[in-house]
Amino acid sequence: MGDLKVIGGIKKLNNQNYNTWSTCMMSYMQGQDLWEVVNGSEITQPEVEDANGILRKWKIKVGKAMFALKTTIEEDVLEHI
């Protein structure tokens, strides 16, 4: 299972590859316009839905970031997060 590659060819995080994994994940998240959600600079959920669907877009962005993180972490590591 440790050799399983997922999103963008990124190997899943395990007990030995944090530095490589985090560098690759940062690049992936930046490329997908998700980095602000992950690094905490976009922390506030929009209060109300507007005509442009800002709340919906924010929820989708958060969901994509969570999916990317959860699918690039080995199960034995994920249970500690």
PDB file of N, CA and C in Angstrom:
ATOM      1  N   MET A   1       0.819  -1.198   0.000  1.00  0.00           N
ATOM      2  CA  MET A   1       0.000   0.000   0.000  1.00  0.00           C
ATOM      3  C   MET A   1       0.863   1.262   0.000  1.00  0.00           C
ATOM      4  N   GLY A   2       2.070   1.174   0.550  1.00  0.00           N
ATOM      5  CA  GLY A   2       2.928   2.336   0.610  1.00  0.00           C
ATOM      6  C   GLY A   2       3.369   2.850  -0.750  1.00  0.00           C
ATOM      7  N   ASP A   3       3.335   1.982  -1.754  1.00  0.00           N
ATOM      8  CA  ASP A   3       3.732   2.391  -3.096  1.00  0.00           C
ATOM      9  C   ASP A   3       2.584   2.968  -3.905  1.00  0.00           C
ATOM     10  N   LEU A   4       1.385   2.949  -3.351  1.00  0.00           N
ATOM     11  CA  LEU A   4       0.223   3.458  -4.071  1.00  0.00           C
ATOM     12  C   LEU A   4       0.394   4.949  -4.325  1.00  0.00           C
ATOM     13  N   LYS A   5       0.247   5.337  -5.576  1.00  0.00           N
ATOM     14  CA  LYS A   5       0.347   6.748  -5.935  1.00  0.00           C
ATOM     15  C   LYS A   5      -1.048   7.282  -6.177  1.00  0.00           C
ATOM     16  N   VAL A   6      -1.258   8.497  -5.782  1.00  0.00           N
ATOM     17  CA  VAL A   6      -2.561   9.132  -5.940  1.00  0.00           C
ATOM     18  C   VAL A   6      -2.385  10.483  -6.593  1.00  0.00           C
ATOM     19  N   ILE A   7      -3.200  11.416  -6.263  1.00  0.00           N
ATOM     20  CA  ILE A   7      -3.232  12.757  -6.845  1.00  0.00           C
ATOM     21  C   ILE A   7      -1.870  13.219  -7.362  1.00  0.00           C
ATOM     22  N   GLY A   8      -1.810  13.470  -8.652  1.00  0.00           N
ATOM     23  CA  GLY A   8      -0.614  14.029  -9.266  1.00  0.00           C
ATOM     24  C   GLY A   8       0.640  13.199  -9.081  1.00  0.00           C
ATOM     25  N   GLY A   9       0.508  11.907  -8.821  1.00  0.00           N
ATOM     26  CA  GLY A   9       1.669  11.059  -8.616  1.00  0.00           C
ATOM     27  C   GLY A   9       2.304  11.209  -7.249  1.00  0.00           C
ATOM     28  N   ILE A  10       1.626  11.849  -6.317  1.00  0.00           N
ATOM     29  CA  ILE A  10       2.157  12.066  -4.972  1.00  0.00           C
ATOM     30  C   ILE A  10       2.008  10.783  -4.168  1.00  0.00           C
ATOM     31  N   LYS A  11       3.114  10.291  -3.628  1.00  0.00           N
ATOM     32  CA  LYS A  11       3.043   9.109  -2.769  1.00  0.00           C
ATOM     33  C   LYS A  11       2.374   9.494  -1.457  1.00  0.00           C
ATOM     34  N   LYS A  12       1.616   8.554  -0.917  1.00  0.00           N
ATOM     35  CA  LYS A  12       0.912   8.817   0.331  1.00  0.00           C
ATOM     36  C   LYS A  12       1.894   9.075   1.472  1.00  0.00           C
ATOM     37  N   LEU A  13       1.500   9.978   2.352  1.00  0.00           N
ATOM     38  CA  LEU A  13       2.288  10.280   3.544  1.00  0.00           C
ATOM     39  C   LEU A  13       2.382   9.035   4.414  1.00  0.00           C
ATOM     40  N   ASN A  14       3.607   8.742   4.846  1.00  0.00           N
ATOM     41  CA  ASN A  14       3.815   7.650   5.790  1.00  0.00           C
ATOM     42  C   ASN A  14       4.772   8.141   6.871  1.00  0.00           C
ATOM     43  N   ASN A  15       5.333   7.235   7.616  1.00  0.00           N
ATOM     44  CA  ASN A  15       6.207   7.628   8.729  1.00  0.00           C
ATOM     45  C   ASN A  15       7.595   8.079   8.286  1.00  0.00           C
ATOM     46  N   GLN A  16       7.873   8.046   6.977  1.00  0.00           N
ATOM     47  CA  GLN A  16       9.228   8.335   6.526  1.00  0.00           C
ATOM     48  C   GLN A  16       9.340   9.405   5.448  1.00  0.00           C
ATOM     49  N   ASN A  17       8.228   9.922   4.928  1.00  0.00           N
ATOM     50  CA  ASN A  17       8.344  10.797   3.756  1.00  0.00           C
ATOM     51  C   ASN A  17       7.670  12.165   3.914  1.00  0.00           C
ATOM     52  N   TYR A  18       7.602  12.676   5.135  1.00  0.00           N
ATOM     53  CA  TYR A  18       6.883  13.936   5.355  1.00  0.00           C
ATOM     54  C   TYR A  18       7.433  15.089   4.513  1.00  0.00           C
ATOM     55  N   ASN A  19       8.737  15.271   4.481  1.00  0.00           N
ATOM     56  CA  ASN A  19       9.303  16.428   3.770  1.00  0.00           C
ATOM     57  C   ASN A  19       8.953  16.413   2.286  1.00  0.00           C
ATOM     58  N   THR A  20       9.100  15.270   1.646  1.00  0.00           N
ATOM     59  CA  THR A  20       8.759  15.153   0.227  1.00  0.00           C
ATOM     60  C   THR A  20       7.263  15.330   0.026  1.00  0.00           C
ATOM     61  N   TRP A  21       6.469  14.642   0.852  1.00  0.00           N
ATOM     62  CA  TRP A  21       5.007  14.714   0.748  1.00  0.00           C
ATOM     63  C   TRP A  21       4.523  16.152   0.919  1.00  0.00           C
ATOM     64  N   SER A  22       5.010  16.849   1.935  1.00  0.00           N
ATOM     65  CA  SER A  22       4.521  18.206   2.201  1.00  0.00           C
ATOM     66  C   SER A  22       4.895  19.170   1.073  1.00  0.00           C
ATOM     67  N   THR A  23       6.083  19.021   0.512  1.00  0.00           N
ATOM     68  CA  THR A  23       6.489  19.865  -0.611  1.00  0.00           C
ATOM     69  C   THR A  23       5.596  19.617  -1.825  1.00  0.00           C
ATOM     70  N   CYS A  24       5.355  18.349  -2.116  1.00  0.00           N
ATOM     71  CA  CYS A  24       4.495  18.004  -3.258  1.00  0.00           C
ATOM     72  C   CYS A  24       3.059  18.455  -3.028  1.00  0.00           C
ATOM     73  N   MET A  25       2.552  18.287  -1.812  1.00  0.00           N
ATOM     74  CA  MET A  25       1.176  18.685  -1.514  1.00  0.00           C
ATOM     75  C   MET A  25       1.014  20.198  -1.595  1.00  0.00           C
ATOM     76  N   MET A  26       2.009  20.945  -1.136  1.00  0.00           N
ATOM     77  CA  MET A  26       1.927  22.398  -1.226  1.00  0.00           C
ATOM     78  C   MET A  26       1.836  22.823  -2.688  1.00  0.00           C
ATOM     79  N   SER A  27       2.671  22.238  -3.518  1.00  0.00           N
ATOM     80  CA  SER A  27       2.632  22.570  -4.947  1.00  0.00           C
ATOM     81  C   SER A  27       1.292  22.194  -5.559  1.00  0.00           C
ATOM     82  N   TYR A  28       0.793  21.025  -5.214  1.00  0.00           N
ATOM     83  CA  TYR A  28      -0.502  20.584  -5.744  1.00  0.00           C
ATOM     84  C   TYR A  28      -1.614  21.535  -5.300  1.00  0.00           C
ATOM     85  N   MET A  29      -1.656  21.847  -4.010  1.00  0.00           N
ATOM     86  CA  MET A  29      -2.708  22.723  -3.477  1.00  0.00           C
ATOM     87  C   MET A  29      -2.637  24.115  -4.110  1.00  0.00           C
ATOM     88  N   GLN A  30      -1.440  24.641  -4.298  1.00  0.00           N
ATOM     89  CA  GLN A  30      -1.298  25.941  -4.946  1.00  0.00           C
ATOM     90  C   GLN A  30      -1.802  25.879  -6.381  1.00  0.00           C
ATOM     91  N   GLY A  31      -1.466  24.817  -7.075  1.00  0.00           N
ATOM     92  CA  GLY A  31      -1.894  24.663  -8.458  1.00  0.00           C
ATOM     93  C   GLY A  31      -3.398  24.511  -8.618  1.00  0.00           C
ATOM     94  N   GLN A  32      -4.053  24.010  -7.579  1.00  0.00           N
ATOM     95  CA  GLN A  32      -5.500  23.822  -7.610  1.00  0.00           C
ATOM     96  C   GLN A  32      -6.252  24.975  -6.937  1.00  0.00           C
ATOM     97  N   ASP A  33      -5.535  26.021  -6.550  1.00  0.00           N
ATOM     98  CA  ASP A  33      -6.116  27.185  -5.870  1.00  0.00           C
ATOM     99  C   ASP A  33      -6.776  26.792  -4.550  1.00  0.00           C
ATOM    100  N   LEU A  34      -6.123  25.876  -3.815  1.00  0.00           N
ATOM    101  CA  LEU A  34      -6.639  25.406  -2.531  1.00  0.00           C
ATOM    102  C   LEU A  34      -5.721  25.773  -1.370  1.00  0.00           C
ATOM    103  N   TRP A  35      -4.556  26.324  -1.658  1.00  0.00           N
ATOM    104  CA  TRP A  35      -3.551  26.547  -0.628  1.00  0.00           C
ATOM    105  C   TRP A  35      -4.029  27.488   0.478  1.00  0.00           C
ATOM    106  N   GLU A  36      -4.778  28.513   0.138  1.00  0.00           N
ATOM    107  CA  GLU A  36      -5.235  29.476   1.145  1.00  0.00           C
ATOM    108  C   GLU A  36      -6.142  28.809   2.177  1.00  0.00           C
ATOM    109  N   VAL A  37      -6.929  27.838   1.761  1.00  0.00           N
ATOM    110  CA  VAL A  37      -7.792  27.104   2.693  1.00  0.00           C
ATOM    111  C   VAL A  37      -6.938  26.261   3.634  1.00  0.00           C
ATOM    112  N   VAL A  38      -5.884  25.654   3.103  1.00  0.00           N
ATOM    113  CA  VAL A  38      -5.047  24.753   3.884  1.00  0.00           C
ATOM    114  C   VAL A  38      -4.113  25.504   4.825  1.00  0.00           C
ATOM    115  N   ASN A  39      -3.516  26.598   4.366  1.00  0.00           N
ATOM    116  CA  ASN A  39      -2.527  27.288   5.200  1.00  0.00           C
ATOM    117  C   ASN A  39      -3.146  28.248   6.209  1.00  0.00           C
ATOM    118  N   GLY A  40      -4.455  28.419   6.155  1.00  0.00           N
ATOM    119  CA  GLY A  40      -5.141  29.224   7.162  1.00  0.00           C
ATOM    120  C   GLY A  40      -5.368  30.670   6.795  1.00  0.00           C
ATOM    121  N   SER A  41      -4.933  31.115   5.621  1.00  0.00           N
ATOM    122  CA  SER A  41      -5.157  32.516   5.266  1.00  0.00           C
ATOM    123  C   SER A  41      -6.595  32.762   4.812  1.00  0.00           C
ATOM    124  N   GLU A  42      -7.316  31.707   4.467  1.00  0.00           N
ATOM    125  CA  GLU A  42      -8.733  31.823   4.114  1.00  0.00           C
ATOM    126  C   GLU A  42      -9.522  30.988   5.119  1.00  0.00           C
ATOM    127  N   ILE A  43      -9.679  31.530   6.328  1.00  0.00           N
ATOM    128  CA  ILE A  43     -10.255  30.734   7.407  1.00  0.00           C
ATOM    129  C   ILE A  43     -11.732  30.980   7.649  1.00  0.00           C
ATOM    130  N   THR A  44     -12.235  32.093   7.241  1.00  0.00           N
ATOM    131  CA  THR A  44     -13.608  32.439   7.575  1.00  0.00           C
ATOM    132  C   THR A  44     -14.561  32.006   6.485  1.00  0.00           C
ATOM    133  N   GLN A  45     -15.543  31.231   6.901  1.00  0.00           N
ATOM    134  CA  GLN A  45     -16.594  30.821   5.979  1.00  0.00           C
ATOM    135  C   GLN A  45     -17.456  32.030   5.671  1.00  0.00           C
ATOM    136  N   PRO A  46     -17.765  32.255   4.402  1.00  0.00           N
ATOM    137  CA  PRO A  46     -18.668  33.361   4.065  1.00  0.00           C
ATOM    138  C   PRO A  46     -19.988  33.212   4.820  1.00  0.00           C
ATOM    139  N   GLU A  47     -20.517  34.306   5.308  1.00  0.00           N
ATOM    140  CA  GLU A  47     -21.717  34.277   6.147  1.00  0.00           C
ATOM    141  C   GLU A  47     -22.983  33.911   5.385  1.00  0.00           C
ATOM    142  N   VAL A  48     -23.140  34.455   4.233  1.00  0.00           N
ATOM    143  CA  VAL A  48     -24.389  34.233   3.497  1.00  0.00           C
ATOM    144  C   VAL A  48     -24.102  33.913   2.036  1.00  0.00           C
ATOM    145  N   GLU A  49     -25.039  33.220   1.447  1.00  0.00           N
ATOM    146  CA  GLU A  49     -24.962  32.940   0.016  1.00  0.00           C
ATOM    147  C   GLU A  49     -25.304  34.219  -0.732  1.00  0.00           C
ATOM    148  N   ASP A  50     -24.624  34.464  -1.802  1.00  0.00           N
ATOM    149  CA  ASP A  50     -24.950  35.624  -2.623  1.00  0.00           C
ATOM    150  C   ASP A  50     -25.205  35.160  -4.055  1.00  0.00           C
ATOM    151  N   ALA A  51     -25.458  36.087  -4.908  1.00  0.00           N
ATOM    152  CA  ALA A  51     -25.781  35.762  -6.296  1.00  0.00           C
ATOM    153  C   ALA A  51     -24.632  35.046  -7.001  1.00  0.00           C
ATOM    154  N   ASN A  52     -23.400  35.276  -6.560  1.00  0.00           N
ATOM    155  CA  ASN A  52     -22.239  34.644  -7.176  1.00  0.00           C
ATOM    156  C   ASN A  52     -21.924  33.275  -6.580  1.00  0.00           C
ATOM    157  N   GLY A  53     -22.674  32.859  -5.560  1.00  0.00           N
ATOM    158  CA  GLY A  53     -22.461  31.550  -4.953  1.00  0.00           C
ATOM    159  C   GLY A  53     -21.175  31.438  -4.165  1.00  0.00           C
ATOM    160  N   ILE A  54     -20.774  32.505  -3.476  1.00  0.00           N
ATOM    161  CA  ILE A  54     -19.509  32.512  -2.743  1.00  0.00           C
ATOM    162  C   ILE A  54     -19.469  31.428  -1.669  1.00  0.00           C
ATOM    163  N   LEU A  55     -20.537  31.247  -0.900  1.00  0.00           N
ATOM    164  CA  LEU A  55     -20.565  30.230   0.146  1.00  0.00           C
ATOM    165  C   LEU A  55     -20.413  28.837  -0.462  1.00  0.00           C
ATOM    166  N   ARG A  56     -21.141  28.575  -1.512  1.00  0.00           N
ATOM    167  CA  ARG A  56     -21.068  27.265  -2.176  1.00  0.00           C
ATOM    168  C   ARG A  56     -19.663  27.018  -2.716  1.00  0.00           C
ATOM    169  N   LYS A  57     -19.060  28.014  -3.335  1.00  0.00           N
ATOM    170  CA  LYS A  57     -17.707  27.882  -3.877  1.00  0.00           C
ATOM    171  C   LYS A  57     -16.703  27.611  -2.759  1.00  0.00           C
ATOM    172  N   TRP A  58     -16.886  28.295  -1.612  1.00  0.00           N
ATOM    173  CA  TRP A  58     -15.994  28.099  -0.475  1.00  0.00           C
ATOM    174  C   TRP A  58     -16.116  26.668   0.048  1.00  0.00           C
ATOM    175  N   LYS A  59     -17.337  26.167   0.174  1.00  0.00           N
ATOM    176  CA  LYS A  59     -17.550  24.799   0.662  1.00  0.00           C
ATOM    177  C   LYS A  59     -16.946  23.774  -0.294  1.00  0.00           C
ATOM    178  N   ILE A  60     -17.065  24.002  -1.578  1.00  0.00           N
ATOM    179  CA  ILE A  60     -16.474  23.100  -2.565  1.00  0.00           C
ATOM    180  C   ILE A  60     -14.952  23.108  -2.443  1.00  0.00           C
ATOM    181  N   LYS A  61     -14.384  24.289  -2.266  1.00  0.00           N
ATOM    182  CA  LYS A  61     -12.934  24.433  -2.134  1.00  0.00           C
ATOM    183  C   LYS A  61     -12.423  23.683  -0.900  1.00  0.00           C
ATOM    184  N   VAL A  62     -13.129  23.829   0.215  1.00  0.00           N
ATOM    185  CA  VAL A  62     -12.753  23.134   1.446  1.00  0.00           C
ATOM    186  C   VAL A  62     -12.862  21.623   1.247  1.00  0.00           C
ATOM    187  N   GLY A  63     -13.933  21.185   0.611  1.00  0.00           N
ATOM    188  CA  GLY A  63     -14.117  19.764   0.351  1.00  0.00           C
ATOM    189  C   GLY A  63     -13.018  19.181  -0.526  1.00  0.00           C
ATOM    190  N   LYS A  64     -12.614  19.912  -1.537  1.00  0.00           N
ATOM    191  CA  LYS A  64     -11.541  19.458  -2.422  1.00  0.00           C
ATOM    192  C   LYS A  64     -10.217  19.354  -1.662  1.00  0.00           C
ATOM    193  N   ALA A  65      -9.948  20.328  -0.808  1.00  0.00           N
ATOM    194  CA  ALA A  65      -8.713  20.302  -0.021  1.00  0.00           C
ATOM    195  C   ALA A  65      -8.710  19.110   0.934  1.00  0.00           C
ATOM    196  N   MET A  66      -9.830  18.875   1.610  1.00  0.00           N
ATOM    197  CA  MET A  66      -9.931  17.742   2.531  1.00  0.00           C
ATOM    198  C   MET A  66      -9.766  16.418   1.784  1.00  0.00           C
ATOM    199  N   PHE A  67     -10.394  16.302   0.626  1.00  0.00           N
ATOM    200  CA  PHE A  67     -10.270  15.084  -0.174  1.00  0.00           C
ATOM    201  C   PHE A  67      -8.815  14.847  -0.566  1.00  0.00           C
ATOM    202  N   ALA A  68      -8.155  15.899  -1.034  1.00  0.00           N
ATOM    203  CA  ALA A  68      -6.755  15.770  -1.445  1.00  0.00           C
ATOM    204  C   ALA A  68      -5.884  15.326  -0.278  1.00  0.00           C
ATOM    205  N   LEU A  69      -6.107  15.901   0.889  1.00  0.00           N
ATOM    206  CA  LEU A  69      -5.315  15.521   2.060  1.00  0.00           C
ATOM    207  C   LEU A  69      -5.600  14.089   2.489  1.00  0.00           C
ATOM    208  N   LYS A  70      -6.867  13.756   2.632  1.00  0.00           N
ATOM    209  CA  LYS A  70      -7.228  12.426   3.136  1.00  0.00           C
ATOM    210  C   LYS A  70      -6.839  11.303   2.185  1.00  0.00           C
ATOM    211  N   THR A  71      -6.789  11.572   0.902  1.00  0.00           N
ATOM    212  CA  THR A  71      -6.431  10.523  -0.050  1.00  0.00           C
ATOM    213  C   THR A  71      -4.932  10.440  -0.300  1.00  0.00           C
ATOM    214  N   THR A  72      -4.158  11.295   0.343  1.00  0.00           N
ATOM    215  CA  THR A  72      -2.704  11.237   0.194  1.00  0.00           C
ATOM    216  C   THR A  72      -2.011  10.962   1.526  1.00  0.00           C
ATOM    217  N   ILE A  73      -2.739  10.336   2.438  1.00  0.00           N
ATOM    218  CA  ILE A  73      -2.185   9.975   3.742  1.00  0.00           C
ATOM    219  C   ILE A  73      -2.493   8.501   3.990  1.00  0.00           C
ATOM    220  N   GLU A  74      -1.478   7.724   4.353  1.00  0.00           N
ATOM    221  CA  GLU A  74      -1.676   6.315   4.672  1.00  0.00           C
ATOM    222  C   GLU A  74      -2.665   6.182   5.831  1.00  0.00           C
ATOM    223  N   GLU A  75      -3.442   5.113   5.818  1.00  0.00           N
ATOM    224  CA  GLU A  75      -4.473   4.910   6.836  1.00  0.00           C
ATOM    225  C   GLU A  75      -3.906   4.901   8.247  1.00  0.00           C
ATOM    226  N   ASP A  76      -2.753   4.261   8.458  1.00  0.00           N
ATOM    227  CA  ASP A  76      -2.193   4.192   9.804  1.00  0.00           C
ATOM    228  C   ASP A  76      -1.730   5.557  10.302  1.00  0.00           C
ATOM    229  N   VAL A  77      -1.450   6.490   9.408  1.00  0.00           N
ATOM    230  CA  VAL A  77      -1.091   7.857   9.792  1.00  0.00           C
ATOM    231  C   VAL A  77      -2.354   8.705   9.922  1.00  0.00           C
ATOM    232  N   LEU A  78      -3.301   8.501   9.034  1.00  0.00           N
ATOM    233  CA  LEU A  78      -4.541   9.280   9.020  1.00  0.00           C
ATOM    234  C   LEU A  78      -5.298   9.174  10.334  1.00  0.00           C
ATOM    235  N   GLU A  79      -5.269   8.021  10.962  1.00  0.00           N
ATOM    236  CA  GLU A  79      -6.014   7.843  12.211  1.00  0.00           C
ATOM    237  C   GLU A  79      -5.469   8.706  13.350  1.00  0.00           C
ATOM    238  N   HIS A  80      -4.273   9.256  13.203  1.00  0.00           N
ATOM    239  CA  HIS A  80      -3.677  10.113  14.237  1.00  0.00           C
ATOM    240  C   HIS A  80      -3.922  11.597  13.990  1.00  0.00           C
ATOM    241  N   ILE A  81      -4.586  11.904  12.899  1.00  0.00           N
ATOM    242  CA  ILE A  81      -4.823  13.305  12.546  1.00  0.00           C
ATOM    243  C   ILE A  81      -6.209  13.720  12.979  1.00  0.00           C
TER     244      ILE A  81
END
